[in-house]
Protein backbone atom coordinates (compact mmCIF):
# COMPACT_ATOMS: atom_id res chain seq x y z
CA MET A 1 0.02 0.12 -0.02
CA PRO A 2 2.77 2.67 0.46
CA VAL A 3 3.70 4.57 -2.40
CA LYS A 4 7.18 5.77 -2.69
CA GLU A 5 8.34 9.00 -4.07
CA GLU A 6 12.03 9.65 -3.41
CA HIS A 7 12.36 9.38 0.44
CA ILE A 8 8.67 10.42 1.13
CA VAL A 9 6.13 7.50 2.02
CA THR A 10 2.42 8.25 1.46
CA TYR A 11 -0.13 5.80 2.79
CA ILE A 12 -3.54 5.64 1.28
CA HIS A 13 -6.32 4.81 3.68
CA ASP A 14 -8.64 1.87 2.81
CA PRO A 15 -11.14 1.69 5.64
CA LYS A 16 -11.54 -2.23 4.38
CA ASN A 17 -7.92 -2.86 4.98
CA PRO A 18 -6.41 -0.34 7.53
CA TYR A 19 -2.85 -0.03 8.22
CA VAL A 20 -1.48 -1.68 11.11
CA MET A 21 1.61 -0.19 12.83
CA SER A 22 4.40 -2.51 13.17
CA ASP A 23 6.41 -3.01 16.29
CA GLU A 24 9.32 -1.04 14.52
CA ASP A 25 6.72 1.78 13.57
CA LEU A 26 5.57 1.88 17.47
CA ALA A 27 9.22 1.96 18.56
CA LEU A 28 9.93 4.92 16.35
CA MET A 29 6.95 6.65 17.38
CA ASP A 30 8.14 6.10 21.07
CA ALA A 31 11.47 7.29 20.50
CA ILE A 32 10.17 10.68 18.94
CA ALA A 33 7.81 11.22 21.73
CA ALA A 34 10.53 10.50 24.39
CA ARG A 35 12.78 12.69 22.63
CA GLY A 36 10.22 15.72 22.91
CA ASP A 37 11.88 17.42 19.97
CA PRO A 38 9.58 19.94 18.47
CA SER A 39 11.70 20.38 15.28
CA TYR A 40 10.14 16.94 14.19
CA TYR A 41 7.00 18.97 13.66
CA ASP A 42 8.65 21.84 12.01
CA ASP A 43 6.91 21.47 8.61
CA CYS A 44 3.47 21.19 10.23
CA PRO A 45 1.79 24.54 10.29
CA ASP A 46 0.40 25.75 13.71
CA VAL A 47 -3.47 25.18 13.40
CA SER A 48 -4.30 25.95 17.25
CA ASP A 49 -6.04 28.97 16.19
CA LEU A 50 -7.91 27.38 13.58
CA LEU A 51 -8.91 24.55 15.70
CA ASP A 52 -10.22 26.82 18.29
CA ALA A 53 -12.21 28.72 16.03
CA ALA A 54 -13.48 25.68 14.54
CA LEU A 55 -14.67 24.17 17.80
CA LYS A 56 -15.97 27.59 18.99
CA ALA A 57 -18.02 27.58 15.76
CA LYS A 58 -19.03 23.83 16.55
CA ARG A 59 -20.19 24.88 19.73
CA ALA A 60 -22.30 27.84 18.63
CA HIS A 61 -24.06 25.46 15.87
CA ALA A 62 -24.70 22.96 18.48
CA LYS A 63 -26.36 25.48 20.89
CA LYS A 64 -28.42 26.82 17.93
CA ALA A 65 -29.44 23.38 16.85
CA LYS A 66 -30.44 22.53 20.36
CA ALA A 67 -32.66 25.43 20.64
CA GLU A 68 -34.42 24.63 17.38
CA ASP A 69 -34.35 21.09 17.77
CA GLY A 70 -37.65 19.22 16.81
CA THR A 71 -39.05 16.14 18.32
CA SER A 72 -38.62 12.60 16.53
CA VAL A 73 -41.65 10.99 15.40
CA LYS A 74 -42.36 7.26 14.68
CA LEU A 75 -44.47 6.38 11.54
CA ASN A 76 -45.76 3.30 10.67
CA ALA A 77 -44.45 1.90 7.25
CA LYS A 78 -47.52 2.51 5.41
CA VAL A 79 -47.85 6.25 6.39
CA ALA A 80 -44.11 6.87 5.84
CA LEU A 81 -44.64 5.14 2.34
CA TRP A 82 -47.70 7.22 1.39
CA LEU A 83 -46.06 10.58 2.56
CA LYS A 84 -42.71 9.62 0.62
CA SER A 85 -45.01 8.94 -2.48
CA LYS A 86 -46.22 12.38 -2.61
CA GLY A 87 -43.14 13.80 -4.18
CA ARG A 88 -39.42 13.85 -3.95
CA GLY A 89 -37.79 14.36 -0.83
CA GLY A 90 -39.41 16.34 2.10
CA TYR A 91 -41.66 14.11 3.55
CA GLN A 92 -40.62 15.16 6.87
CA LYS A 93 -41.86 18.64 6.04
CA ARG A 94 -45.09 17.31 4.71
CA VAL A 95 -45.71 15.64 8.21
CA ASN A 96 -45.03 19.01 9.77
CA ASP A 97 -47.29 20.70 7.33
CA ILE A 98 -50.06 18.26 7.93
CA LEU A 99 -49.91 18.45 11.64
CA THR A 100 -49.64 22.24 11.74
CA ALA A 101 -52.79 22.55 9.64
CA VAL A 102 -54.69 20.16 11.97
CA MET A 103 -53.37 22.24 15.05
CA LYS A 104 -54.43 25.36 13.32
CA ALA A 105 -57.80 23.92 12.59
CA GLU A 106 -58.38 22.74 16.14
CA GLU A 107 -57.45 26.14 17.38
CA ALA A 108 -59.94 27.86 15.09
CA GLN A 109 -62.47 25.58 16.07
CA ALA A 110 -61.92 26.32 19.75
CA GLN A 111 -61.92 29.83 19.21
CA LYS A 112 -65.54 29.64 17.24
CA LYS A 113 -67.00 27.34 19.90
CA PRO A 114 -69.63 29.14 21.82
CA THR A 115 -69.55 29.48 25.66
CA PRO A 116 -72.62 27.20 27.12
CA LYS A 117 -74.84 29.32 28.58
CA LYS A 118 -76.32 28.69 32.18
CA PRO A 119 -79.65 26.92 32.20
CA ARG A 120 -82.49 29.40 33.67
């Protein structure tokens, strides 16, 4: 799997056949870690600021998503197939539209309902 170009070794990740580090590879990694030599990483750009910004953005997105989070609904197979047959994609929006229409109809009906009169 390694592809050699001069003295550079590139590994191509194959999820079905992952690379397993040999004892020699592990020993080399241990030696580098024990040295504590930051020059080993000189060719790597400092991405700590980018990582901090990405994490901050992810947290903000998670908070926003949590605030707007909906509720999961289980549908039986026939209902789900019927909704999906009504058009390409968006069946969850159709569920929401249908339930919103029913909710508004009930609210309108409740407002129109006359209050019962007391018997004389």
